[in-house]
Amino acid sequence: MNEQSMTVAIRTDSIELYKLLKLADIAASGGEAKYMISEGMVSVNNEPESRKRRKIVARDTVEYDGRRISVISAAERE
C-alpha cells in the first residue's frame, strides 16, 4: 500500500474530524465520513478514533487507508 500525504490548512482553531475528511476529499459526504470513523477506519495521531466530532487542531495527523493528512494553521501556510 502506497502512503499518500497531504497538508490541509485550517483557518479556525480546530475542525471536526468528519469535516476534515470532507475537506480533504477523503469522504464524499458527511455521512460517508461519519461511517468511516464509526467503523474504526480513521486514526488521529496514530490512535484509532471513533468520535466523529473530535476536534482536530494544527499539528494533528489523521490517517485513513494509507492516506495521511497533516493539519496546519492557515497562518503557517502564509
Protein backbone atom coordinates (compact mmCIF):
# COMPACT_ATOMS: atom_id res chain seq x y z
CA MET A 1 0.00 0.00 0.00
CA ASN A 2 1.44 3.35 -1.02
CA GLU A 3 1.06 6.04 1.56
CA GLN A 4 -0.18 9.35 0.27
CA SER A 5 0.42 12.51 2.26
CA MET A 6 -1.26 15.86 2.05
CA THR A 7 -1.31 19.01 4.12
CA VAL A 8 -4.54 20.81 4.97
CA ALA A 9 -4.54 24.34 6.38
CA ILE A 10 -7.39 25.33 8.68
CA ARG A 11 -8.45 28.93 9.30
CA THR A 12 -10.01 28.30 12.73
CA ASP A 13 -8.54 26.89 15.93
CA SER A 14 -10.00 23.46 15.19
CA ILE A 15 -12.13 21.46 12.77
CA GLU A 16 -14.32 18.46 13.46
CA LEU A 17 -12.83 15.19 12.23
CA TYR A 18 -15.66 14.32 9.85
CA LYS A 19 -15.48 17.81 8.29
CA LEU A 20 -11.74 17.46 7.76
CA LEU A 21 -12.27 14.19 5.88
CA LYS A 22 -14.71 16.00 3.57
CA LEU A 23 -12.39 19.00 3.17
CA ALA A 24 -9.52 16.72 2.19
CA ASP A 25 -11.73 14.86 -0.34
CA ILE A 26 -11.27 11.60 1.57
CA ALA A 27 -15.05 11.33 2.02
CA ALA A 28 -17.67 12.42 -0.50
CA SER A 29 -20.16 13.42 2.19
CA GLY A 30 -20.52 13.97 5.91
CA GLY A 31 -22.43 10.72 6.19
CA GLU A 32 -19.65 8.78 4.48
CA ALA A 33 -17.04 10.41 6.75
CA LYS A 34 -19.06 9.58 9.87
CA TYR A 35 -19.42 5.97 8.71
CA MET A 36 -15.66 5.61 8.13
CA ILE A 37 -14.96 6.98 11.61
CA SER A 38 -17.60 4.85 13.35
CA GLU A 39 -16.22 1.71 11.67
CA GLY A 40 -12.74 2.34 13.09
CA MET A 41 -11.14 3.15 9.74
CA VAL A 42 -9.66 6.50 10.86
CA SER A 43 -6.84 7.27 13.26
CA VAL A 44 -5.66 10.54 14.77
CA ASN A 45 -2.05 10.86 15.88
CA ASN A 46 -1.58 7.10 15.39
CA GLU A 47 -4.53 6.21 17.66
CA PRO A 48 -7.84 4.79 16.42
CA GLU A 49 -10.56 7.44 16.68
CA SER A 50 -14.31 6.82 16.87
CA ARG A 51 -15.51 10.32 17.80
CA LYS A 52 -16.94 11.90 14.66
CA ARG A 53 -16.79 15.39 16.13
CA ARG A 54 -13.29 15.07 17.58
CA LYS A 55 -11.67 18.50 17.39
CA ILE A 56 -8.66 18.36 15.09
CA VAL A 57 -6.11 21.14 15.59
CA ALA A 58 -2.92 22.25 13.85
CA ARG A 59 -0.14 19.68 14.22
CA ASP A 60 -2.57 16.72 14.34
CA THR A 61 -2.14 13.91 11.83
CA VAL A 62 -5.15 11.99 10.52
CA GLU A 63 -4.83 8.70 8.65
CA TYR A 64 -7.28 6.69 6.55
CA ASP A 65 -6.46 3.79 4.24
CA GLY A 66 -2.82 4.73 3.73
CA ARG A 67 -3.57 8.41 3.30
CA ARG A 68 -2.08 10.84 5.79
CA ILE A 69 -3.41 14.34 6.39
CA SER A 70 -1.11 16.76 8.22
CA VAL A 71 -3.06 19.69 9.63
CA ILE A 72 -1.54 23.16 9.87
CA SER A 73 -2.97 26.57 10.65
CA ALA A 74 -3.64 28.87 7.72
CA ALA A 75 -1.16 31.33 9.24
CA GLU A 76 1.63 28.74 8.86
CA ARG A 77 0.95 28.46 5.15
CA GLU A 78 1.32 32.20 4.52
